[in-house]
Protein backbone atom coordinates (compact mmCIF):
# COMPACT_ATOMS: atom_id res chain seq x y z
CA MET A 1 13.09 49.72 11.73
CA THR A 2 11.93 47.85 14.46
CA ALA A 3 9.97 45.22 11.89
CA ILE A 4 13.22 44.90 9.92
CA LEU A 5 15.73 44.37 13.19
CA LEU A 6 13.10 41.76 14.27
CA TRP A 7 13.10 39.97 11.24
CA GLY A 8 17.08 39.96 11.72
CA VAL A 9 17.05 38.63 15.14
CA ALA A 10 14.57 35.67 14.15
CA ALA A 11 16.60 35.03 11.34
CA ALA A 12 19.62 34.68 13.34
CA ILE A 13 17.36 32.37 15.56
CA VAL A 14 16.59 30.08 12.27
CA LEU A 15 20.51 30.39 11.25
CA ALA A 16 21.04 29.07 14.87
CA SER A 17 18.76 25.87 14.36
CA GLU A 18 20.25 25.03 11.41
CA ARG A 19 23.23 23.77 13.65
CA ARG A 20 25.35 22.91 10.26
CA VAL A 21 25.42 26.64 8.28
CA THR A 22 26.70 25.38 5.06
CA ARG A 23 24.28 27.50 2.73
CA PRO A 24 23.07 30.18 4.85
CA THR A 25 21.80 32.34 1.95
CA PHE A 26 19.09 29.34 1.18
CA SER A 27 18.57 29.26 4.73
CA LEU A 28 17.97 33.27 5.53
CA VAL A 29 15.55 33.56 1.77
CA ALA A 30 13.92 30.64 2.58
CA PHE A 31 13.10 32.23 6.19
CA ALA A 32 11.98 35.40 3.92
CA PHE A 33 9.75 32.99 1.73
CA LEU A 34 7.82 31.91 4.81
CA THR A 35 7.57 35.65 5.97
CA ALA A 36 6.29 36.66 2.43
CA LEU A 37 3.69 34.35 2.70
CA PHE A 38 2.52 35.46 5.76
CA LEU A 39 2.40 38.59 5.05
CA LEU A 40 0.24 38.28 1.84
CA ALA A 41 -2.10 37.13 4.90
CA THR A 42 -1.39 39.53 7.84
CA GLY A 43 -0.61 42.51 5.97
CA ASP A 44 2.40 43.86 8.47
CA LEU A 45 5.86 42.65 9.11
CA PRO A 46 6.42 41.90 12.53
CA ARG A 47 3.12 39.47 12.72
CA ALA A 48 4.40 37.74 9.46
CA THR A 49 7.94 37.49 11.07
CA LEU A 50 6.86 35.99 14.25
CA LEU A 51 4.45 33.48 12.74
CA ALA A 52 7.35 32.87 10.19
CA LEU A 53 9.79 32.12 13.18
CA ILE A 54 6.93 29.49 15.13
CA LEU A 55 6.34 27.79 11.74
CA THR A 56 10.28 27.13 11.38
CA LEU A 57 10.32 25.86 14.58
CA THR A 58 7.87 23.79 14.07
CA ILE A 59 9.36 22.30 11.02
CA VAL A 60 12.86 21.58 13.12
CA GLY A 61 10.83 20.52 16.01
CA ALA A 62 8.99 17.89 13.79
CA SER A 63 12.34 16.96 12.16
CA ALA A 64 14.24 16.08 15.19
CA VAL A 65 11.31 14.07 16.38
CA LYS A 66 11.06 11.83 13.13
CA HIS A 67 15.02 11.93 12.64
CA HIS A 68 15.01 10.48 16.40
CA HIS A 69 12.87 7.87 15.74
CA SER A 70 13.75 7.13 11.69
CA GLY A 71 16.89 8.35 10.80
CA MET A 72 15.87 10.52 8.29
CA LYS A 73 14.70 14.39 7.97
CA PHE A 74 11.22 15.95 7.57
CA ALA A 75 10.36 16.71 4.12
CA VAL A 76 6.77 17.44 2.35
CA ALA A 77 6.08 14.11 1.40
CA ASP A 78 6.19 13.15 5.10
CA LEU A 79 2.89 14.93 5.78
CA ALA A 80 0.85 12.12 3.60
CA LEU A 81 2.14 10.00 6.69
CA THR A 82 0.12 11.75 8.85
CA PHE A 83 -2.87 10.44 7.32
CA ALA A 84 -1.37 6.76 7.13
CA GLY A 85 -1.32 5.46 10.54
CA THR A 86 1.85 7.33 11.99
CA ILE A 87 0.53 9.63 14.70
CA PRO A 88 -1.70 6.45 16.16
CA PHE A 89 1.20 4.64 16.05
CA MET A 90 3.55 7.02 18.24
CA LEU A 91 0.43 7.43 20.42
CA ARG A 92 0.51 3.36 20.75
CA GLN A 93 4.31 2.68 20.85
CA TYR A 94 6.15 5.91 22.15
CA ARG A 95 4.04 7.67 24.39
CA ARG A 96 6.32 10.02 26.01
CA THR A 97 7.86 11.50 23.00
CA ALA A 98 4.35 11.60 21.69
CA THR A 99 2.86 13.22 25.15
CA LEU A 100 6.06 15.91 24.45
CA THR A 101 5.73 16.76 20.46
CA ILE A 102 1.67 17.30 21.19
CA ALA A 103 2.68 19.74 24.21
CA GLY A 104 5.39 21.58 22.04
CA ALA A 105 2.94 21.72 19.31
CA VAL A 106 0.21 23.37 21.67
CA LEU A 107 2.50 25.46 22.79
CA LEU A 108 3.55 26.77 19.31
CA ALA A 109 0.04 27.17 18.23
CA LEU A 110 -0.71 29.35 21.67
CA ALA A 111 2.29 31.49 20.53
CA ALA A 112 0.68 31.84 17.13
CA ILE A 113 -2.38 32.96 18.38
CA ALA A 114 -0.97 35.09 20.79
CA THR A 115 1.07 36.91 17.78
CA LEU A 116 -1.92 37.28 15.99
CA ALA A 117 -4.20 38.86 18.71
CA LEU A 118 -1.51 41.31 20.24
CA VAL A 119 1.27 42.20 17.91
CA ARG A 120 0.73 44.94 15.24
CA GLY A 121 2.74 46.83 12.98
CA GLU A 122 2.80 49.01 9.79
CA PRO A 123 0.66 47.86 7.43
CA ILE A 124 1.60 47.25 3.95
CA THR A 125 -0.41 47.49 0.98
CA PHE A 126 -1.22 44.44 -0.59
CA PRO A 127 0.24 44.94 -4.07
CA LEU A 128 3.67 45.51 -2.45
CA ARG A 129 3.12 42.12 -0.31
CA LEU A 130 2.58 40.07 -3.86
CA LEU A 131 5.42 41.76 -5.17
CA ALA A 132 7.71 40.58 -2.11
CA PHE A 133 5.90 37.38 -2.11
CA ALA A 134 7.03 36.96 -6.04
CA ILE A 135 10.49 38.03 -5.42
CA ALA A 136 10.82 35.74 -2.67
CA CYS A 137 9.22 32.74 -5.03
CA ALA A 138 12.05 33.32 -7.59
CA ALA A 139 14.95 34.22 -5.18
CA LEU A 140 14.22 30.90 -3.26
CA TYR A 141 13.83 28.22 -6.64
CA ALA A 142 16.92 30.22 -8.35
CA LEU A 143 18.95 28.98 -4.94
CA TRP A 144 17.45 25.46 -5.41
CA ARG A 145 18.26 25.08 -8.87
CA PHE A 146 21.91 26.84 -8.49
CA ASP A 147 22.56 24.20 -5.42
CA GLY A 148 21.47 21.50 -7.66
CA GLY A 149 18.04 21.09 -7.30
CA THR A 150 17.36 17.50 -5.94
CA ALA A 151 20.82 17.56 -4.49
CA TYR A 152 19.44 18.24 -0.97
CA ARG A 153 18.02 14.77 -0.76
CA VAL A 154 21.79 12.79 -0.06
CA ASP A 155 21.54 15.06 3.59
CA VAL A 156 18.20 13.39 4.30
CA THR A 157 20.36 11.14 7.20
CA ARG A 158 22.20 14.54 8.62
CA GLN A 159 21.04 15.66 11.84
CA ASP A 160 21.34 19.09 10.95
CA ARG A 161 19.75 21.91 8.37
CA PHE A 162 16.22 20.76 9.27
CA PHE A 163 14.66 24.35 8.23
CA SER A 164 16.11 24.32 4.89
CA PHE A 165 15.68 20.61 3.99
CA PHE A 166 12.05 20.79 4.61
CA ILE A 167 12.04 24.17 2.20
CA ALA A 168 14.10 22.63 -0.34
CA SER A 169 11.83 19.46 -0.28
CA LEU A 170 8.87 22.01 -0.86
CA VAL A 171 10.53 23.24 -3.78
CA ASP A 172 10.86 19.93 -5.43
CA VAL A 173 7.46 19.69 -6.76
CA ALA A 174 7.72 16.33 -7.87
CA SER A 175 8.91 14.83 -4.78
CA TRP A 176 5.87 15.40 -2.90
CA TRP A 177 3.23 16.08 -6.24
CA PRO A 178 0.74 13.14 -5.74
CA SER A 179 0.69 11.16 -9.00
CA GLY A 180 -1.49 8.26 -10.01
CA GLY A 181 1.63 5.95 -10.78
CA LEU A 182 5.04 5.15 -9.14
CA ARG A 183 8.13 7.28 -8.90
CA MET A 184 11.28 5.85 -9.19
CA LEU A 185 14.26 8.29 -8.80
CA ASP A 186 17.20 6.41 -10.70
CA VAL A 187 15.96 5.55 -14.04
CA ALA A 188 18.64 6.23 -16.87
CA ALA A 189 17.52 7.48 -20.18
CA THR A 190 19.37 4.24 -21.91
CA PRO A 191 18.44 0.46 -20.85
CA LEU A 192 21.50 -1.81 -20.00
CA PRO A 193 21.44 -4.82 -22.00
CA PRO A 194 20.62 -7.91 -19.36
CA GLU A 195 23.50 -10.76 -18.59
CA ALA A 196 22.66 -14.21 -19.78
CA PRO A 197 21.17 -16.54 -17.44
CA VAL A 198 23.69 -18.69 -15.31
CA PRO A 199 22.73 -22.32 -15.07
CA ALA A 200 22.13 -24.07 -12.08
CA ARG A 201 25.49 -25.56 -10.38
CA SER A 202 24.22 -28.46 -8.52
CA GLU A 203 21.05 -30.74 -8.67
CA ILE A 204 19.55 -29.83 -5.46
CA ARG A 205 16.64 -27.86 -5.01
CA PRO A 206 16.75 -26.68 -1.19
CA ASP A 207 13.60 -25.08 0.36
CA ILE A 208 14.48 -21.59 0.71
CA ILE A 209 13.35 -20.06 4.01
CA VAL A 210 13.76 -16.57 4.53
CA ILE A 211 13.28 -14.68 8.14
CA GLN A 212 13.27 -11.37 9.12
CA HIS A 213 13.76 -10.86 12.85
CA GLU A 214 12.29 -7.47 13.75
CA SER A 215 14.65 -4.90 14.77
CA VAL A 216 17.55 -7.07 15.74
CA PHE A 217 20.95 -6.15 15.05
CA ASP A 218 24.66 -7.28 16.17
CA PRO A 219 25.44 -4.86 19.38
CA ARG A 220 29.24 -5.70 18.40
CA LEU A 221 28.80 -3.07 15.83
CA TYR A 222 28.88 -0.61 18.39
CA GLY A 223 31.32 -2.49 20.12
CA LEU A 224 29.50 -3.95 22.94
CA PRO A 225 30.22 -7.67 24.00
CA VAL A 226 27.43 -10.84 23.43
CA ASP A 227 27.53 -14.27 24.71
CA ASP A 228 27.90 -17.44 23.00
CA ARG A 229 24.45 -17.76 22.00
CA VAL A 230 24.02 -14.51 20.94
CA ALA A 231 27.23 -14.62 18.66
CA GLU A 232 25.98 -18.38 17.26
CA PHE A 233 22.92 -16.64 16.28
CA LEU A 234 24.12 -13.50 14.39
CA THR A 235 27.18 -15.10 12.91
CA PRO A 236 26.70 -18.76 12.94
CA ARG A 237 30.05 -20.85 12.93
CA ASP A 238 28.96 -22.90 10.13
CA GLY A 239 27.54 -20.50 8.04
CA LEU A 240 27.59 -17.57 6.08
CA ASN A 241 27.34 -13.70 7.18
CA GLY A 242 28.20 -10.84 7.12
CA THR A 243 26.11 -7.02 7.75
CA LEU A 244 23.72 -5.49 6.07
CA HIS A 245 22.59 -2.12 4.71
CA VAL A 246 18.90 -1.30 4.85
CA ASP A 247 17.46 1.82 3.87
CA ILE A 248 15.25 2.29 7.14
CA TYR A 249 15.73 3.17 10.92
CA GLY A 250 13.20 2.30 13.91
CA GLY A 251 10.05 1.13 11.70
CA GLY A 252 8.93 0.69 8.22
CA SER A 253 9.67 -3.23 8.20
CA TRP A 254 7.56 -3.56 4.95
CA GLN A 255 10.16 -1.39 2.88
CA THR A 256 12.91 -3.95 3.91
CA GLU A 257 10.58 -7.10 3.18
CA PHE A 258 10.28 -5.09 -0.34
CA SER A 259 13.68 -5.13 -1.16
CA LEU A 260 14.21 -8.46 -0.53
CA LEU A 261 11.60 -10.04 -2.44
CA THR A 262 12.07 -7.45 -5.24
CA GLY A 263 15.98 -6.47 -5.48
CA LEU A 264 15.11 -2.75 -5.17
CA SER A 265 15.69 -0.28 -2.89
CA SER A 266 12.44 1.10 -1.75
CA ALA A 267 14.57 4.18 -1.23
CA SER A 268 14.33 4.30 -5.48
CA PHE A 269 10.81 5.41 -5.27
CA GLY A 270 11.21 8.26 -3.05
CA PRO A 271 7.64 9.62 -1.53
CA ASP A 272 5.98 6.72 -2.25
CA SER A 273 8.68 4.47 -0.90
CA TYR A 274 6.34 4.63 2.32
CA PHE A 275 3.31 3.09 0.55
CA LEU A 276 4.60 0.39 -1.90
CA PHE A 277 2.72 -2.09 -0.08
CA LYS A 278 -0.44 -0.40 -1.66
CA LYS A 279 1.05 1.43 -4.29
CA GLY A 280 3.00 -0.72 -5.77
CA VAL A 281 0.34 -3.62 -5.90
CA GLY A 282 0.90 -5.97 -9.20
CA ARG A 283 3.50 -3.34 -10.12
CA PHE A 284 6.71 -5.65 -9.77
CA ARG A 285 6.35 -8.45 -11.68
CA HIS A 286 9.88 -10.05 -11.07
CA SER A 287 10.48 -11.27 -7.72
CA LEU A 288 12.22 -13.87 -5.91
CA PRO A 289 8.87 -15.75 -5.64
CA SER A 290 8.09 -15.42 -8.94
CA GLU A 291 11.44 -16.77 -10.21
CA LEU A 292 11.29 -19.42 -7.79
CA THR A 293 7.47 -19.95 -8.86
CA ALA A 294 9.15 -20.54 -12.48
CA LEU A 295 11.34 -22.72 -11.10
CA GLY A 296 8.52 -25.18 -9.61
CA TYR A 297 8.85 -23.86 -5.99
CA ARG A 298 5.42 -23.47 -4.19
CA THR A 299 5.61 -20.00 -1.83
CA MET A 300 4.16 -19.37 1.39
CA LEU A 301 4.15 -15.97 3.72
CA ALA A 302 4.00 -16.86 7.54
CA THR A 303 3.53 -13.42 9.28
CA SER A 304 2.99 -12.63 13.19
CA CYS A 305 0.77 -9.95 11.89
CA ARG A 306 -3.19 -9.92 11.16
CA ARG A 307 -4.61 -10.21 7.69
CA GLU A 308 -5.46 -6.97 7.21
CA PHE A 309 -2.13 -5.19 8.17
CA MET A 310 -0.80 -2.82 5.82
CA ASN A 311 -2.27 -4.45 2.92
CA TYR A 312 0.01 -7.59 2.89
CA ASP A 313 -2.27 -9.91 1.47
CA ALA A 314 -2.41 -7.92 -1.57
CA PHE A 315 0.98 -7.31 -1.60
CA TYR A 316 2.31 -10.46 -0.90
CA ALA A 317 -0.14 -12.15 -3.57
CA GLY A 318 0.65 -9.31 -6.17
CA LEU A 319 4.38 -10.71 -6.20
CA GLY A 320 3.08 -14.24 -7.00
CA VAL A 321 3.09 -15.66 -3.13
CA LYS A 322 0.65 -18.27 -3.04
CA GLU A 323 -0.22 -19.60 0.40
CA ARG A 324 -0.02 -16.92 3.27
CA VAL A 325 -0.72 -17.42 6.61
CA PHE A 326 -1.35 -14.80 9.29
CA SER A 327 -1.38 -14.72 13.02
CA ASP A 328 -5.12 -14.62 13.31
CA GLU A 329 -5.16 -17.99 11.39
CA PHE A 330 -2.67 -20.26 13.18
CA PRO A 331 -4.46 -23.30 14.66
CA ALA A 332 -4.77 -23.97 18.59
CA PRO A 333 -2.77 -24.50 20.76
CA PHE A 334 -1.61 -21.07 19.42
CA ASP A 335 -3.36 -18.28 20.97
CA LEU A 336 -3.52 -14.99 19.39
CA ALA A 337 -4.72 -12.80 22.27
CA ALA A 338 -1.67 -13.89 24.57
CA PHE A 339 0.71 -13.97 21.67
CA GLU A 340 -0.33 -9.94 20.45
CA ILE A 341 0.88 -8.86 24.41
CA THR A 342 4.46 -9.74 23.41
CA ASN A 343 4.82 -11.49 20.07
CA SER A 344 6.97 -13.78 21.74
CA ASP A 345 9.09 -15.77 18.96
CA THR A 346 8.93 -18.60 20.76
CA ASP A 347 5.15 -18.87 20.33
CA PHE A 348 5.76 -17.72 16.89
CA PHE A 349 8.32 -19.81 15.26
CA ALA A 350 6.66 -22.79 16.74
CA ALA A 351 3.56 -21.93 15.20
CA THR A 352 5.51 -21.22 11.88
CA GLU A 353 6.77 -24.92 12.40
CA GLY A 354 3.76 -26.38 12.44
CA ALA A 355 2.42 -24.24 9.36
CA ILE A 356 5.35 -25.31 7.29
CA GLU A 357 5.08 -29.06 8.29
CA ARG A 358 1.80 -28.74 7.48
CA SER A 359 2.07 -27.37 3.99
CA ILE A 360 4.83 -29.42 3.27
CA ASP A 361 2.90 -32.65 3.72
CA ARG A 362 0.56 -31.73 1.97
CA ASP A 363 2.92 -31.20 -1.49
CA PRO A 364 6.33 -32.22 -0.61
CA ALA A 365 7.37 -29.71 -3.55
CA PRO A 366 10.72 -27.81 -2.69
CA ARG A 367 9.66 -24.26 -1.07
CA PHE A 368 9.82 -20.43 -0.58
CA ILE A 369 8.98 -19.26 2.76
CA MET A 370 9.20 -15.54 3.78
CA ALA A 371 8.70 -15.78 7.71
CA LEU A 372 8.01 -12.10 9.73
CA THR A 373 9.00 -11.74 13.35
CA ASN A 374 7.87 -9.01 15.57
CA TYR A 375 9.52 -9.40 19.26
CA ASN A 376 12.04 -6.80 19.25
CA HIS A 377 9.98 -4.09 18.31
CA GLY A 378 9.98 -1.14 20.37
CA PRO A 379 9.27 0.26 22.72
CA HIS A 380 11.50 -1.36 25.04
CA GLU A 381 10.67 0.70 27.98
CA THR A 382 8.39 -2.10 28.35
CA ARG A 383 9.47 -5.42 29.87
CA LEU A 384 8.24 -8.19 27.69
CA VAL A 385 10.55 -10.85 28.66
CA PRO A 386 8.51 -12.24 32.14
CA PRO A 387 10.64 -12.56 35.31
CA GLY A 388 13.23 -15.52 36.13
CA ARG A 389 13.57 -15.74 31.83
CA PHE A 390 16.90 -14.35 30.86
CA GLU A 391 17.98 -12.77 33.80
CA ASP A 392 21.75 -13.70 33.11
CA GLU A 393 21.56 -12.24 29.65
CA ARG A 394 20.16 -8.87 31.18
CA ARG A 395 22.67 -8.47 33.50
CA PHE A 396 25.40 -9.73 30.86
CA ALA A 397 23.69 -6.75 29.17
CA LEU A 398 23.66 -4.51 31.62
CA ALA A 399 27.10 -5.05 32.61
CA ALA A 400 28.27 -3.58 29.08
CA LEU A 401 25.73 -0.58 29.13
CA PRO A 402 23.95 0.34 32.44
CA ASP A 403 20.41 1.25 30.29
CA ALA A 404 17.38 -0.77 31.08
CA THR A 405 16.45 -0.44 27.51
CA TYR A 406 19.39 -2.43 25.92
CA GLY A 407 18.90 -4.87 29.11
CA GLU A 408 15.32 -5.63 27.79
CA TYR A 409 16.54 -5.21 23.74
CA PHE A 410 19.52 -8.12 24.63
CA ALA A 411 17.03 -10.63 26.69
CA ARG A 412 14.59 -10.47 23.76
CA LEU A 413 17.68 -11.23 21.41
CA ALA A 414 18.49 -14.20 23.73
CA GLU A 415 15.19 -15.06 23.57
CA THR A 416 14.98 -15.24 20.04
CA ALA A 417 18.38 -16.78 19.76
CA GLU A 418 17.08 -19.95 21.82
CA SER A 419 13.50 -20.54 19.49
CA TYR A 420 15.11 -19.76 16.29
CA ALA A 421 17.61 -22.52 17.20
CA ALA A 422 14.74 -24.80 18.42
CA PHE A 423 12.72 -24.00 15.18
CA ARG A 424 15.67 -25.15 12.59
CA ASP A 425 16.64 -28.05 14.57
CA ALA A 426 12.87 -29.45 14.96
CA LEU A 427 12.86 -29.42 10.73
CA ARG A 428 16.13 -30.71 10.25
CA ALA A 429 14.45 -33.59 12.58
CA ARG A 430 11.82 -33.83 10.99
CA TYR A 431 13.09 -33.60 7.14
CA PRO A 432 16.70 -35.34 7.78
CA ASP A 433 17.11 -35.50 4.15
CA ARG A 434 15.31 -32.35 2.88
CA PRO A 435 17.80 -29.39 2.10
CA MET A 436 17.04 -25.91 3.58
CA LEU A 437 19.22 -22.78 2.82
CA ILE A 438 17.59 -20.50 5.96
CA VAL A 439 18.49 -16.52 5.25
CA ARG A 440 18.17 -14.27 8.22
CA TYR A 441 18.61 -10.77 8.62
CA GLY A 442 17.38 -7.67 10.70
CA ASP A 443 14.86 -5.46 9.20
CA HIS A 444 16.32 -2.19 10.79
CA GLN A 445 17.34 -1.13 13.93
CA PRO A 446 15.20 -0.09 16.98
CA THR A 447 15.24 3.61 18.19
CA MET A 448 16.31 1.60 21.57
CA SER A 449 19.85 2.13 19.98
CA ARG A 450 19.81 5.89 20.28
CA ALA A 451 20.64 5.05 24.13
CA ILE A 452 23.88 2.95 22.89
CA GLU A 453 24.81 6.40 20.71
CA ALA A 454 24.25 8.29 23.82
CA ALA A 455 26.52 6.22 25.87
CA ARG A 456 29.21 5.90 23.43
CA ASP A 457 29.20 9.52 22.50
CA ILE A 458 28.02 8.36 18.47
CA ALA A 459 26.14 11.06 16.13
CA PRO A 460 22.98 10.37 15.58
CA ASP A 461 23.57 10.63 12.02
CA ASP A 462 26.24 8.03 12.26
CA PRO A 463 25.84 5.57 9.21
CA ARG A 464 25.70 2.52 11.43
CA GLN A 465 22.32 3.59 12.21
CA PHE A 466 21.33 1.88 9.18
CA GLU A 467 23.33 -1.59 9.64
CA THR A 468 21.68 -4.77 10.62
CA PHE A 469 22.85 -8.21 10.19
CA TYR A 470 22.46 -11.05 7.89
CA ALA A 471 23.13 -14.75 7.94
CA ILE A 472 22.76 -17.68 5.35
CA GLU A 473 22.94 -21.12 6.73
CA ALA A 474 22.61 -24.46 4.60
CA VAL A 475 21.01 -27.50 6.40
CA ASN A 476 21.13 -31.23 5.07
CA PHE A 477 23.49 -29.43 1.75
CA GLU A 478 26.64 -27.84 1.36
CA PRO A 479 26.22 -23.89 -0.36
CA ALA A 480 27.32 -23.43 -3.77
CA ILE A 481 29.32 -20.35 -2.48
CA ALA A 482 31.93 -20.44 -0.56
CA SER A 483 31.91 -17.14 1.14
CA VAL A 484 29.67 -13.77 1.12
CA PRO A 485 30.23 -10.02 1.04
CA GLU A 486 31.15 -8.69 4.51
CA LYS A 487 29.18 -5.62 3.81
CA LEU A 488 25.55 -5.84 1.61
CA ASP A 489 22.77 -4.20 0.95
CA ILE A 490 19.28 -5.57 1.52
CA ALA A 491 18.45 -5.41 -2.21
CA MET A 492 21.27 -7.59 -2.85
CA LEU A 493 20.32 -10.28 -0.75
CA GLY A 494 17.94 -12.10 -2.45
CA THR A 495 20.60 -12.48 -5.62
CA VAL A 496 23.21 -13.64 -2.82
CA ALA A 497 20.93 -16.37 -1.49
CA LEU A 498 19.96 -17.75 -5.06
CA GLN A 499 23.64 -18.00 -5.63
CA ALA A 500 24.19 -19.90 -2.49
CA SER A 501 21.25 -22.57 -3.44
CA GLY A 502 22.90 -23.46 -6.54
CA LEU A 503 19.75 -22.45 -8.04
CA PRO A 504 19.99 -21.12 -12.05
CA LEU A 505 19.80 -17.55 -12.21
CA ASP A 506 17.26 -16.02 -14.78
CA ALA A 507 18.92 -13.09 -16.80
CA ILE A 508 17.39 -10.52 -14.12
CA THR A 509 18.86 -11.91 -11.41
CA ALA A 510 22.18 -12.40 -13.20
CA THR A 511 22.21 -8.93 -14.20
CA ARG A 512 21.79 -7.79 -10.51
CA ALA A 513 24.06 -10.26 -9.58
CA SER A 514 27.19 -8.68 -12.04
CA LEU A 515 26.42 -5.19 -10.15
CA ILE A 516 27.32 -6.57 -6.54
CA ASP A 517 31.09 -5.80 -7.13
CA GLU A 518 30.02 -1.92 -8.09
CA CYS A 519 26.93 -1.39 -5.67
CA GLY A 520 26.50 -4.39 -3.23
CA ALA A 521 26.64 -2.88 -0.11
CA LEU A 522 25.27 0.42 -0.51
CA TYR A 523 22.77 -0.05 -3.87
CA MET A 524 20.67 3.06 -3.61
CA ALA A 525 23.41 5.17 -2.22
CA THR A 526 26.04 4.42 -4.87
CA PRO A 527 25.93 6.50 -8.17
CA SER A 528 26.04 3.92 -10.78
CA GLU A 529 24.87 4.44 -14.42
CA ARG A 530 24.81 0.81 -15.01
CA LYS A 531 22.44 0.62 -11.96
CA ASP A 532 20.43 3.30 -13.16
CA ARG A 533 20.55 1.69 -16.98
CA PHE A 534 19.14 -1.49 -15.35
CA HIS A 535 16.26 0.05 -13.66
CA LYS A 536 15.67 1.21 -17.33
CA THR A 537 15.26 -2.45 -18.54
CA LEU A 538 12.98 -3.43 -15.99
CA VAL A 539 10.63 -0.48 -16.44
CA ASP A 540 10.87 -1.03 -20.36
CA GLN A 541 10.22 -4.64 -20.12
CA GLY A 542 7.45 -4.28 -18.01
CA TRP A 543 9.00 -5.72 -14.85
CA ILE A 544 8.41 -2.44 -13.18
CA ASP A 545 4.94 -0.80 -13.87
CA LEU A 546 5.54 3.04 -13.19
CA GLY A 547 2.42 3.83 -15.49
CA THR A 548 -0.92 5.95 -14.31
CA THR A 549 -2.87 2.95 -15.60
CA THR A 550 -4.02 0.26 -12.79
CA PRO A 551 -1.82 -2.39 -13.03
CA VAL A 552 -3.08 -6.17 -13.27
CA LEU A 553 -3.91 -7.37 -9.77
CA PRO A 554 -4.27 -10.93 -8.65
CA THR A 555 -7.97 -12.15 -8.95
CA VAL A 556 -10.07 -13.25 -5.52
CA ALA A 557 -9.20 -17.21 -6.34
CA GLU A 558 -5.69 -16.74 -7.19
CA ARG A 559 -5.27 -14.32 -3.63
CA ALA A 560 -7.43 -17.50 -1.86
């Protein structure tokens, strides 16, 4: 009787930890499943109950930390991230959070040890334990199927039901079981006939320069004011601009890069989304760089990261980017050691400007250039803007929101705006007759924006956490379109850029353009049959290789 009462109290704690108990039966059965699992090993109900409760609280705590830093809940597939650099990254970038998390884990581990050493109950025979576990497994699976199976995935950004979400992802074996190829979640059974290619609307072939501004978003999204220089940077008067939806929050910039380059949502690949730069090498045979290469463009990457970072060299080569310049290869006067202390945009844009000019001077063919900054990445508790620089901008920000991390974010943003304007104007002066289309966007919001949410009483699962900005500026020519969508998904930005350039669109990009009205604002989140059928077309025609066979990778000579 005491053991049953203990289980009831523990189950009540589990339900309370869910915050939103819309499916209490699944939560209780999930906890019963964990209890039955521990019962197999311990042989008595009190210890099994307490160990199940300790594991539940561990899952809830881990999920709360992950949601704070990424905007998404903890799933079984995320366990692989532990071995992909997440823990060292947290220790390096977010020491306070990492320290508190480790301290909590130690306390829970001590509680588990104490439970094993001190708690005893009436022993239960192994056949009964095995029967209880079998019944719990069957009930859990039946409820999972009754709730729609994979339907739990749509709750990934909600700040509740951390425990039941994790257990649902455990039952969804396909979401975490290792595979030799790629998993794509939104592929229909039948393909979509491609649209006809769209001819060029202009004889101009502008350079297309894409700039990913690390962790930059528009403060006006949350009702905060900006000064004139930052406003011009985010929403240039002579440009096209809007709000950009991205798949990530707090980190994982390469997922945004992937979407821009391939026209696909990284979220479409489920647990593989984090590993696309490794598992996806050579598997995406249609991309923005490859389409422009077919039009006679030269392709280039300039990044603030070193060559060995996250398999960037191989992935970009696999997409057809021929010239790849990394931070450890910029020539003097660029100082790598000094740069890596701050990742200053002033230094990066100056080095990138030099790389672009050297490349064009060697070969004047039109260019596709991808430039990746890193200045406004967190933590914003660290002051990177030196004293005496942008102090007025810092005071302006603090007057609107008295939080030191926001003041640092805005001061860095002011430097980004100044250094970008200098970069653009230098290219315009150097090449006064060369048309250029500059496409800029924020890859995700930094975790600093949680301070804004707290100050403005905004829920941490507000959908705005996945919104940044985008801007398109035409230099030395008029863009081929007069307007762009007010809200746009990152997967569609490359297509809109091509429309603005006036270049011809091949059948794949023309088909993607036909989907803009239907799912251009929320690509992955829009339940579109045409989109899923379009993905089927890409897979069937070999433009996406999901198979378990090793893809055809670029040779050493091609990567050089």
